[in-house]
C-alpha atoms as a PDB file:
ATOM      1  CA  MET A   1     180.881 -31.381 132.724  1.00  0.00           C
ATOM      2  CA  ASN A   2     183.139 -33.551 130.662  1.00  0.00           C
ATOM      3  CA  PHE A   3     184.485 -35.804 133.204  1.00  0.00           C
ATOM      4  CA  LYS A   4     182.864 -37.305 136.442  1.00  0.00           C
ATOM      5  CA  LEU A   5     184.147 -36.412 139.894  1.00  0.00           C
ATOM      6  CA  ALA A   6     183.409 -39.062 142.545  1.00  0.00           C
ATOM      7  CA  THR A   7     184.558 -39.426 146.435  1.00  0.00           C
ATOM      8  CA  ASP A   8     183.425 -41.092 149.470  1.00  0.00           C
ATOM      9  CA  ASN A   9     180.940 -40.414 152.013  1.00  0.00           C
ATOM     10  CA  THR A  10     183.387 -40.064 154.419  1.00  0.00           C
ATOM     11  CA  THR A  11     183.495 -36.193 152.886  1.00  0.00           C
ATOM     12  CA  ASP A  12     180.485 -35.317 155.228  1.00  0.00           C
ATOM     13  CA  LEU A  13     179.160 -32.743 152.718  1.00  0.00           C
ATOM     14  CA  PRO A  14     175.449 -32.324 152.727  1.00  0.00           C
ATOM     15  CA  LEU A  15     173.763 -34.980 150.115  1.00  0.00           C
ATOM     16  CA  SER A  16     171.768 -32.274 148.511  1.00  0.00           C
ATOM     17  CA  TYR A  17     175.400 -30.727 147.703  1.00  0.00           C
ATOM     18  CA  ILE A  18     176.393 -34.147 146.238  1.00  0.00           C
ATOM     19  CA  LYS A  19     173.265 -34.534 144.189  1.00  0.00           C
ATOM     20  CA  GLU A  20     173.366 -30.938 142.825  1.00  0.00           C
ATOM     21  CA  ASN A  21     177.018 -31.319 141.384  1.00  0.00           C
ATOM     22  CA  ASN A  22     176.650 -34.868 140.183  1.00  0.00           C
ATOM     23  CA  ILE A  23     179.187 -36.207 142.522  1.00  0.00           C
ATOM     24  CA  GLY A  24     179.614 -40.201 142.487  1.00  0.00           C
ATOM     25  CA  LEU A  25     179.645 -41.452 146.333  1.00  0.00           C
ATOM     26  CA  MET A  26     180.929 -44.654 147.162  1.00  0.00           C
ATOM     27  CA  THR A  27     179.719 -45.696 150.714  1.00  0.00           C
ATOM     28  CA  LEU A  28     182.016 -46.893 153.730  1.00  0.00           C
ATOM     29  CA  SER A  29     179.380 -48.658 155.742  1.00  0.00           C
ATOM     30  CA  CYS A  30     178.709 -48.577 159.410  1.00  0.00           C
ATOM     31  CA  LEU A  31     177.540 -51.562 161.764  1.00  0.00           C
ATOM     32  CA  LEU A  32     175.640 -50.529 164.605  1.00  0.00           C
ATOM     33  CA  ASP A  33     173.297 -52.695 166.976  1.00  0.00           C
ATOM     34  CA  GLY A  34     173.005 -55.279 164.299  1.00  0.00           C
ATOM     35  CA  VAL A  35     172.224 -53.166 161.435  1.00  0.00           C
ATOM     36  CA  THR A  36     174.257 -52.471 158.705  1.00  0.00           C
ATOM     37  CA  TYR A  37     174.025 -48.809 157.032  1.00  0.00           C
ATOM     38  CA  ASP A  38     174.789 -47.846 153.650  1.00  0.00           C
ATOM     39  CA  GLU A  39     173.797 -45.953 150.810  1.00  0.00           C
ATOM     40  CA  ASN A  40     170.567 -47.811 150.792  1.00  0.00           C
ATOM     41  CA  ASN A  41     169.979 -47.424 154.326  1.00  0.00           C
ATOM     42  CA  ILE A  42     170.959 -44.196 155.534  1.00  0.00           C
ATOM     43  CA  LEU A  43     171.378 -43.533 159.176  1.00  0.00           C
ATOM     44  CA  ASP A  44     170.076 -40.169 160.612  1.00  0.00           C
ATOM     45  CA  SER A  45     173.225 -38.381 162.420  1.00  0.00           C
ATOM     46  CA  LYS A  46     170.820 -37.459 165.627  1.00  0.00           C
ATOM     47  CA  VAL A  47     169.879 -40.881 165.857  1.00  0.00           C
ATOM     48  CA  PHE A  48     173.529 -42.433 165.262  1.00  0.00           C
ATOM     49  CA  PHE A  49     175.175 -39.957 168.205  1.00  0.00           C
ATOM     50  CA  GLU A  50     172.167 -40.653 170.757  1.00  0.00           C
ATOM     51  CA  LYS A  51     172.629 -44.270 170.368  1.00  0.00           C
ATOM     52  CA  MET A  52     176.280 -43.896 171.031  1.00  0.00           C
ATOM     53  CA  ARG A  53     175.611 -41.642 174.148  1.00  0.00           C
ATOM     54  CA  ASN A  54     173.365 -44.753 175.368  1.00  0.00           C
ATOM     55  CA  GLY A  55     176.366 -47.135 174.967  1.00  0.00           C
ATOM     56  CA  SER A  56     176.025 -48.493 171.476  1.00  0.00           C
ATOM     57  CA  MET A  57     179.635 -49.287 169.770  1.00  0.00           C
ATOM     58  CA  PRO A  58     179.609 -49.013 166.092  1.00  0.00           C
ATOM     59  CA  THR A  59     182.006 -50.522 163.711  1.00  0.00           C
ATOM     60  CA  THR A  60     182.876 -49.572 160.199  1.00  0.00           C
ATOM     61  CA  SER A  61     184.018 -51.397 156.777  1.00  0.00           C
ATOM     62  CA  GLN A  62     185.761 -49.748 154.165  1.00  0.00           C
ATOM     63  CA  VAL A  63     184.803 -49.780 150.428  1.00  0.00           C
ATOM     64  CA  ASN A  64     185.751 -53.158 148.771  1.00  0.00           C
ATOM     65  CA  PRO A  65     187.248 -53.617 145.134  1.00  0.00           C
ATOM     66  CA  ASP A  66     184.041 -54.979 143.748  1.00  0.00           C
ATOM     67  CA  GLN A  67     181.994 -52.192 145.321  1.00  0.00           C
ATOM     68  CA  ALA A  68     184.240 -49.557 143.588  1.00  0.00           C
ATOM     69  CA  LYS A  69     184.335 -51.449 140.343  1.00  0.00           C
ATOM     70  CA  SER A  70     180.520 -51.497 140.076  1.00  0.00           C
ATOM     71  CA  HIS A  71     180.535 -47.752 140.657  1.00  0.00           C
ATOM     72  CA  PHE A  72     183.160 -47.142 137.860  1.00  0.00           C
ATOM     73  CA  GLU A  73     181.101 -49.272 135.603  1.00  0.00           C
ATOM     74  CA  SER A  74     178.074 -47.182 136.305  1.00  0.00           C
ATOM     75  CA  TYR A  75     179.994 -43.780 135.429  1.00  0.00           C
ATOM     76  CA  ILE A  76     181.209 -45.434 132.075  1.00  0.00           C
ATOM     77  CA  LYS A  77     177.437 -46.490 131.479  1.00  0.00           C
ATOM     78  CA  GLU A  78     176.575 -42.737 131.860  1.00  0.00           C
ATOM     79  CA  GLY A  79     179.199 -41.710 129.248  1.00  0.00           C
ATOM     80  CA  TYR A  80     182.187 -40.719 130.987  1.00  0.00           C
ATOM     81  CA  LYS A  81     185.728 -41.784 129.687  1.00  0.00           C
ATOM     82  CA  GLU A  82     187.473 -39.683 132.150  1.00  0.00           C
ATOM     83  CA  ILE A  83     186.741 -40.330 136.035  1.00  0.00           C
ATOM     84  CA  LEU A  84     188.458 -38.457 139.104  1.00  0.00           C
ATOM     85  CA  TYR A  85     188.125 -39.963 142.419  1.00  0.00           C
ATOM     86  CA  LEU A  86     189.096 -38.167 145.696  1.00  0.00           C
ATOM     87  CA  ALA A  87     189.506 -40.845 148.351  1.00  0.00           C
ATOM     88  CA  PHE A  88     189.533 -40.668 152.089  1.00  0.00           C
ATOM     89  CA  SER A  89     193.075 -40.795 153.837  1.00  0.00           C
ATOM     90  CA  SER A  90     194.948 -43.827 153.256  1.00  0.00           C
ATOM     91  CA  GLY A  91     196.627 -43.067 156.940  1.00  0.00           C
ATOM     92  CA  LEU A  92     192.747 -43.916 158.301  1.00  0.00           C
ATOM     93  CA  SER A  93     191.227 -46.397 155.848  1.00  0.00           C
ATOM     94  CA  GLY A  94     192.369 -48.999 153.290  1.00  0.00           C
ATOM     95  CA  THR A  95     189.543 -47.568 150.853  1.00  0.00           C
ATOM     96  CA  TYR A  96     192.187 -45.745 148.715  1.00  0.00           C
ATOM     97  CA  SER A  97     193.840 -48.970 147.975  1.00  0.00           C
ATOM     98  CA  SER A  98     190.566 -50.768 147.308  1.00  0.00           C
ATOM     99  CA  VAL A  99     189.476 -48.119 144.618  1.00  0.00           C
ATOM    100  CA  LYS A 100     192.917 -48.181 143.108  1.00  0.00           C
ATOM    101  CA  VAL A 101     192.855 -51.744 142.682  1.00  0.00           C
ATOM    102  CA  ALA A 102     189.468 -51.286 141.008  1.00  0.00           C
ATOM    103  CA  ALA A 103     190.480 -48.720 138.782  1.00  0.00           C
ATOM    104  CA  GLU A 104     193.131 -50.564 137.430  1.00  0.00           C
ATOM    105  CA  GLU A 105     190.933 -53.693 136.639  1.00  0.00           C
ATOM    106  CA  ILE A 106     188.440 -50.933 135.125  1.00  0.00           C
ATOM    107  CA  MET A 107     191.078 -49.365 132.958  1.00  0.00           C
ATOM    108  CA  GLU A 108     192.420 -53.011 131.575  1.00  0.00           C
ATOM    109  CA  GLU A 109     188.936 -53.844 130.370  1.00  0.00           C
ATOM    110  CA  HIS A 110     188.290 -50.228 128.961  1.00  0.00           C
ATOM    111  CA  PRO A 111     191.305 -49.096 127.547  1.00  0.00           C
ATOM    112  CA  ASP A 112     189.465 -45.827 126.390  1.00  0.00           C
ATOM    113  CA  VAL A 113     188.605 -44.826 129.904  1.00  0.00           C
ATOM    114  CA  LYS A 114     191.121 -43.007 132.209  1.00  0.00           C
ATOM    115  CA  ILE A 115     190.744 -43.013 136.119  1.00  0.00           C
ATOM    116  CA  GLU A 116     192.680 -41.115 138.437  1.00  0.00           C
ATOM    117  CA  VAL A 117     192.328 -42.000 142.242  1.00  0.00           C
ATOM    118  CA  ILE A 118     193.895 -39.515 144.368  1.00  0.00           C
ATOM    119  CA  ASP A 119     194.677 -40.419 147.941  1.00  0.00           C
ATOM    120  CA  THR A 120     193.695 -36.921 149.540  1.00  0.00           C
ATOM    121  CA  LEU A 121     195.321 -37.676 153.130  1.00  0.00           C
ATOM    122  CA  CYS A 122     192.119 -35.889 154.423  1.00  0.00           C
ATOM    123  CA  ALA A 123     189.255 -36.810 156.225  1.00  0.00           C
ATOM    124  CA  ALA A 124     185.726 -35.421 157.131  1.00  0.00           C
ATOM    125  CA  MET A 125     185.039 -31.859 155.612  1.00  0.00           C
ATOM    126  CA  GLY A 126     188.818 -31.568 155.005  1.00  0.00           C
ATOM    127  CA  GLU A 127     187.954 -34.226 152.176  1.00  0.00           C
ATOM    128  CA  GLY A 128     184.548 -32.245 151.614  1.00  0.00           C
ATOM    129  CA  LEU A 129     186.654 -29.100 151.200  1.00  0.00           C
ATOM    130  CA  LEU A 130     188.770 -30.735 148.605  1.00  0.00           C
ATOM    131  CA  VAL A 131     185.890 -31.843 146.417  1.00  0.00           C
ATOM    132  CA  TYR A 132     184.104 -28.475 146.804  1.00  0.00           C
ATOM    133  CA  LEU A 133     187.426 -26.950 145.389  1.00  0.00           C
ATOM    134  CA  ALA A 134     187.751 -29.340 142.656  1.00  0.00           C
ATOM    135  CA  VAL A 135     183.791 -28.546 141.614  1.00  0.00           C
ATOM    136  CA  GLU A 136     184.736 -24.999 141.626  1.00  0.00           C
ATOM    137  CA  GLU A 137     187.501 -25.399 139.099  1.00  0.00           C
ATOM    138  CA  MET A 138     185.305 -27.649 137.212  1.00  0.00           C
ATOM    139  CA  LYS A 139     182.664 -24.846 136.860  1.00  0.00           C
ATOM    140  CA  ARG A 140     185.608 -22.689 135.720  1.00  0.00           C
ATOM    141  CA  GLY A 141     185.604 -24.936 132.814  1.00  0.00           C
ATOM    142  CA  LYS A 142     189.003 -26.520 133.898  1.00  0.00           C
ATOM    143  CA  SER A 143     189.956 -29.784 131.918  1.00  0.00           C
ATOM    144  CA  PHE A 144     190.197 -33.300 133.892  1.00  0.00           C
ATOM    145  CA  GLN A 145     194.195 -32.995 133.894  1.00  0.00           C
ATOM    146  CA  GLU A 146     194.029 -29.241 134.962  1.00  0.00           C
ATOM    147  CA  VAL A 147     191.744 -30.336 137.949  1.00  0.00           C
ATOM    148  CA  VAL A 148     193.701 -33.401 138.749  1.00  0.00           C
ATOM    149  CA  GLU A 149     196.944 -31.118 139.218  1.00  0.00           C
ATOM    150  CA  PHE A 150     194.847 -28.609 141.355  1.00  0.00           C
ATOM    151  CA  VAL A 151     193.866 -31.215 143.688  1.00  0.00           C
ATOM    152  CA  LYS A 152     197.313 -32.559 144.083  1.00  0.00           C
ATOM    153  CA  GLU A 153     198.950 -28.934 144.853  1.00  0.00           C
ATOM    154  CA  THR A 154     196.062 -28.110 147.052  1.00  0.00           C
ATOM    155  CA  ILE A 155     196.114 -31.543 149.431  1.00  0.00           C
ATOM    156  CA  PRO A 156     199.093 -30.339 151.659  1.00  0.00           C
ATOM    157  CA  HIS A 157     197.469 -27.093 152.187  1.00  0.00           C
ATOM    158  CA  VAL A 158     193.968 -28.556 153.610  1.00  0.00           C
ATOM    159  CA  ILE A 159     194.184 -27.616 157.343  1.00  0.00           C
ATOM    160  CA  HIS A 160     192.028 -29.991 159.991  1.00  0.00           C
ATOM    161  CA  VAL A 161     191.878 -28.818 163.266  1.00  0.00           C
ATOM    162  CA  PHE A 162     189.036 -30.639 165.784  1.00  0.00           C
ATOM    163  CA  THR A 163     188.541 -31.046 169.515  1.00  0.00           C
ATOM    164  CA  VAL A 164     186.381 -33.715 171.088  1.00  0.00           C
ATOM    165  CA  ASP A 165     184.435 -33.444 174.113  1.00  0.00           C
ATOM    166  CA  ASP A 166     184.819 -36.826 175.361  1.00  0.00           C
ATOM    167  CA  LEU A 167     188.092 -38.564 175.677  1.00  0.00           C
ATOM    168  CA  ASN A 168     186.494 -42.067 176.079  1.00  0.00           C
ATOM    169  CA  HIS A 169     185.880 -42.309 172.637  1.00  0.00           C
ATOM    170  CA  LEU A 170     189.433 -41.426 171.389  1.00  0.00           C
ATOM    171  CA  HIS A 171     190.758 -44.286 174.199  1.00  0.00           C
ATOM    172  CA  ARG A 172     188.392 -46.674 172.335  1.00  0.00           C
ATOM    173  CA  GLY A 173     189.883 -45.837 169.053  1.00  0.00           C
ATOM    174  CA  GLY A 174     193.598 -46.059 170.319  1.00  0.00           C
ATOM    175  CA  ARG A 175     194.210 -42.566 170.266  1.00  0.00           C
ATOM    176  CA  VAL A 176     194.910 -41.953 173.802  1.00  0.00           C
ATOM    177  CA  SER A 177     195.531 -44.191 176.866  1.00  0.00           C
ATOM    178  CA  LYS A 178     192.761 -45.190 179.263  1.00  0.00           C
ATOM    179  CA  ALA A 179     194.422 -43.316 182.184  1.00  0.00           C
ATOM    180  CA  THR A 180     194.746 -40.295 180.095  1.00  0.00           C
ATOM    181  CA  ALA A 181     190.710 -40.415 179.192  1.00  0.00           C
ATOM    182  CA  VAL A 182     190.000 -40.883 182.764  1.00  0.00           C
ATOM    183  CA  ILE A 183     192.208 -38.081 184.099  1.00  0.00           C
ATOM    184  CA  GLY A 184     191.447 -35.871 181.092  1.00  0.00           C
ATOM    185  CA  THR A 185     187.438 -36.240 181.506  1.00  0.00           C
ATOM    186  CA  LEU A 186     187.445 -35.741 185.392  1.00  0.00           C
ATOM    187  CA  ALA A 187     189.799 -32.368 184.858  1.00  0.00           C
ATOM    188  CA  ASN A 188     187.747 -31.150 181.667  1.00  0.00           C
ATOM    189  CA  ILE A 189     190.627 -31.554 179.287  1.00  0.00           C
ATOM    190  CA  LYS A 190     189.540 -31.109 175.829  1.00  0.00           C
ATOM    191  CA  PRO A 191     192.152 -32.056 173.326  1.00  0.00           C
ATOM    192  CA  ILE A 192     193.056 -30.114 170.157  1.00  0.00           C
ATOM    193  CA  LEU A 193     194.004 -32.575 167.237  1.00  0.00           C
ATOM    194  CA  ARG A 194     195.107 -32.491 163.641  1.00  0.00           C
ATOM    195  CA  VAL A 195     195.651 -34.472 160.438  1.00  0.00           C
ATOM    196  CA  ASP A 196     199.232 -34.394 159.538  1.00  0.00           C
ATOM    197  CA  ASP A 197     200.709 -34.559 156.194  1.00  0.00           C
ATOM    198  CA  GLU A 198     200.486 -38.084 156.106  1.00  0.00           C
ATOM    199  CA  GLY A 199     196.836 -38.328 156.719  1.00  0.00           C
ATOM    200  CA  HIS A 200     197.054 -39.429 160.055  1.00  0.00           C
ATOM    201  CA  LEU A 201     195.279 -37.894 163.401  1.00  0.00           C
ATOM    202  CA  VAL A 202     197.912 -36.729 165.856  1.00  0.00           C
ATOM    203  CA  SER A 203     197.436 -34.541 169.107  1.00  0.00           C
ATOM    204  CA  LEU A 204     198.383 -30.871 168.827  1.00  0.00           C
ATOM    205  CA  THR A 205     197.818 -29.539 172.144  1.00  0.00           C
ATOM    206  CA  LYS A 206     195.214 -29.615 175.034  1.00  0.00           C
ATOM    207  CA  THR A 207     192.570 -26.954 176.858  1.00  0.00           C
ATOM    208  CA  ARG A 208     190.369 -26.938 179.695  1.00  0.00           C
ATOM    209  CA  GLY A 209     186.976 -26.354 178.987  1.00  0.00           C
ATOM    210  CA  ARG A 210     184.669 -26.046 175.840  1.00  0.00           C
ATOM    211  CA  LYS A 211     184.673 -22.587 175.044  1.00  0.00           C
ATOM    212  CA  LYS A 212     188.456 -22.251 175.357  1.00  0.00           C
ATOM    213  CA  SER A 213     188.717 -25.455 172.903  1.00  0.00           C
ATOM    214  CA  LEU A 214     186.439 -23.770 170.616  1.00  0.00           C
ATOM    215  CA  MET A 215     188.490 -20.351 170.761  1.00  0.00           C
ATOM    216  CA  THR A 216     191.800 -22.441 170.320  1.00  0.00           C
ATOM    217  CA  LEU A 217     190.403 -23.520 166.888  1.00  0.00           C
ATOM    218  CA  VAL A 218     190.084 -19.872 165.581  1.00  0.00           C
ATOM    219  CA  ASN A 219     193.345 -18.760 167.379  1.00  0.00           C
ATOM    220  CA  LEU A 220     194.977 -22.053 164.901  1.00  0.00           C
ATOM    221  CA  MET A 221     193.256 -20.917 162.033  1.00  0.00           C
ATOM    222  CA  GLU A 222     194.337 -17.583 162.164  1.00  0.00           C
ATOM    223  CA  GLU A 223     197.792 -18.833 162.519  1.00  0.00           C
ATOM    224  CA  TYR A 224     198.032 -21.648 160.011  1.00  0.00           C
ATOM    225  CA  MET A 225     196.232 -19.465 157.206  1.00  0.00           C
ATOM    226  CA  GLY A 226     199.382 -17.647 156.684  1.00  0.00           C
ATOM    227  CA  SER A 227     199.694 -16.522 153.161  1.00  0.00           C
ATOM    228  CA  TYR A 228     196.620 -18.315 152.405  1.00  0.00           C
ATOM    229  CA  LYS A 229     194.309 -15.870 154.137  1.00  0.00           C
ATOM    230  CA  ASP A 230     193.371 -14.346 150.923  1.00  0.00           C
ATOM    231  CA  LYS A 231     192.418 -17.871 149.246  1.00  0.00           C
ATOM    232  CA  ASN A 232     189.973 -18.785 151.951  1.00  0.00           C
ATOM    233  CA  GLY A 233     186.624 -17.792 150.444  1.00  0.00           C
ATOM    234  CA  ILE A 234     184.933 -20.633 152.523  1.00  0.00           C
ATOM    235  CA  PHE A 235     185.544 -22.639 155.684  1.00  0.00           C
ATOM    236  CA  MET A 236     184.001 -26.016 156.833  1.00  0.00           C
ATOM    237  CA  ILE A 237     182.833 -27.152 160.095  1.00  0.00           C
ATOM    238  CA  ASN A 238     181.651 -30.842 161.250  1.00  0.00           C
ATOM    239  CA  HIS A 239     179.977 -31.145 164.459  1.00  0.00           C
ATOM    240  CA  GLY A 240     178.929 -34.332 166.160  1.00  0.00           C
ATOM    241  CA  ASP A 241     175.373 -33.390 167.340  1.00  0.00           C
ATOM    242  CA  CYS A 242     176.491 -30.241 168.721  1.00  0.00           C
ATOM    243  CA  GLU A 243     175.356 -27.550 166.230  1.00  0.00           C
ATOM    244  CA  GLU A 244     175.118 -24.698 168.727  1.00  0.00           C
ATOM    245  CA  ASP A 245     178.684 -24.932 169.024  1.00  0.00           C
ATOM    246  CA  ALA A 246     179.310 -25.072 165.343  1.00  0.00           C
ATOM    247  CA  ARG A 247     177.706 -22.059 165.038  1.00  0.00           C
ATOM    248  CA  PHE A 248     179.458 -20.501 167.864  1.00  0.00           C
ATOM    249  CA  LEU A 249     182.730 -21.014 166.235  1.00  0.00           C
ATOM    250  CA  ALA A 250     181.807 -19.991 162.702  1.00  0.00           C
ATOM    251  CA  ASP A 251     180.553 -16.632 164.159  1.00  0.00           C
ATOM    252  CA  ALA A 252     183.752 -16.205 165.945  1.00  0.00           C
ATOM    253  CA  ILE A 253     185.749 -16.853 162.920  1.00  0.00           C
ATOM    254  CA  THR A 254     183.514 -14.678 160.802  1.00  0.00           C
ATOM    255  CA  ASN A 255     184.038 -11.695 163.631  1.00  0.00           C
ATOM    256  CA  ARG A 256     187.947 -12.059 163.649  1.00  0.00           C
ATOM    257  CA  LEU A 257     188.799 -13.139 160.439  1.00  0.00           C
ATOM    258  CA  GLY A 258     186.021 -11.679 158.126  1.00  0.00           C
ATOM    259  CA  ILE A 259     185.523 -15.115 156.262  1.00  0.00           C
ATOM    260  CA  GLU A 260     181.735 -15.106 155.747  1.00  0.00           C
ATOM    261  CA  GLU A 261     180.826 -18.045 153.884  1.00  0.00           C
ATOM    262  CA  CYS A 262     180.792 -21.275 155.967  1.00  0.00           C
ATOM    263  CA  MET A 263     179.288 -24.882 155.170  1.00  0.00           C
ATOM    264  CA  ILE A 264     178.275 -26.615 158.443  1.00  0.00           C
ATOM    265  CA  ASN A 265     177.093 -30.375 158.583  1.00  0.00           C
ATOM    266  CA  PRO A 266     176.887 -33.113 160.862  1.00  0.00           C
ATOM    267  CA  LEU A 267     179.524 -35.493 161.141  1.00  0.00           C
ATOM    268  CA  GLY A 268     178.673 -38.919 159.471  1.00  0.00           C
ATOM    269  CA  ALA A 269     178.624 -42.162 161.123  1.00  0.00           C
ATOM    270  CA  VAL A 270     182.137 -43.544 159.605  1.00  0.00           C
ATOM    271  CA  ILE A 271     184.171 -40.753 161.254  1.00  0.00           C
ATOM    272  CA  GLY A 272     181.831 -40.334 164.015  1.00  0.00           C
ATOM    273  CA  SER A 273     182.313 -43.950 165.203  1.00  0.00           C
ATOM    274  CA  HIS A 274     185.923 -43.077 166.293  1.00  0.00           C
ATOM    275  CA  THR A 275     185.306 -39.520 167.551  1.00  0.00           C
ATOM    276  CA  GLY A 276     181.925 -40.030 169.375  1.00  0.00           C
ATOM    277  CA  PRO A 277     179.403 -37.135 169.960  1.00  0.00           C
ATOM    278  CA  GLY A 278     180.534 -33.642 170.683  1.00  0.00           C
ATOM    279  CA  LEU A 279     183.476 -33.376 168.154  1.00  0.00           C
ATOM    280  CA  ILE A 280     183.906 -30.083 166.059  1.00  0.00           C
ATOM    281  CA  ALA A 281     186.082 -29.889 163.371  1.00  0.00           C
ATOM    282  CA  LEU A 282     187.266 -26.954 161.315  1.00  0.00           C
ATOM    283  CA  PHE A 283     188.437 -27.297 157.798  1.00  0.00           C
ATOM    284  CA  PHE A 284     190.407 -24.441 156.105  1.00  0.00           C
ATOM    285  CA  LEU A 285     193.534 -23.730 153.627  1.00  0.00           C
ATOM    286  CA  GLY A 286     196.986 -22.830 154.934  1.00  0.00           C
ATOM    287  CA  ASP A 287     200.652 -22.744 154.244  1.00  0.00           C
ATOM    288  CA  ALA A 288     201.094 -26.172 155.911  1.00  0.00           C
ATOM    289  CA  ARG A 289     199.342 -28.927 157.843  1.00  0.00           C
END
């Protein structure tokens, strides 16, 4: 490929896919029980969520400009003169700003290098779906600028809908009040949330019971796809150590909507720190977020 595609570990794509497609990956780190986890010390997803279930409280750190600059320099050493970076939503992290600063410095130092940093306004495998689609465009032989334009045009159509099993983690992240978390947990309330046009998490609706919350995600996908139904060759699902529920959701979507290709992957520690175990997130293309 004639240019370098790079992104953040918050895409939560399988590492095998990242390596297979030579995608550059910058890592937002996670501090858990006094240990920092990053690209040099990867935390197993099951271990991470088990620690959270047992009361561990992780914190996360964004990519800093020096880290981003080091990555860009390594891509240049590989021979790339054009670099496209798809960044984690600026509505959820300062990583986009850090990478943008680094890109400007690199281009001043290397006038023959062009770096395009795009705020995807996406998270988890919503960001991952955008990366996947960009890779597919690259495989079709599209130019750097053509892929840049494709990504920008596609961002408003990447739909994120998700549900969590435990409201207390959303309370800790400031998404719901303590009273809502306590009452909702007692009443078995399962909130349905989405990522809006500005890349922020917002509440959409709520249901009672896990299975009903999963079927609500299917209903929302059927509703939100609109004119993009035929453009959904693949959909993606992240899960917070609840693969059986993810498989149930995937099968329900295939049975109702006929879309057979699905990528399922555990949620990483960065997003998982704020949602806790039990999250099920669904990503696809639709008319509008």
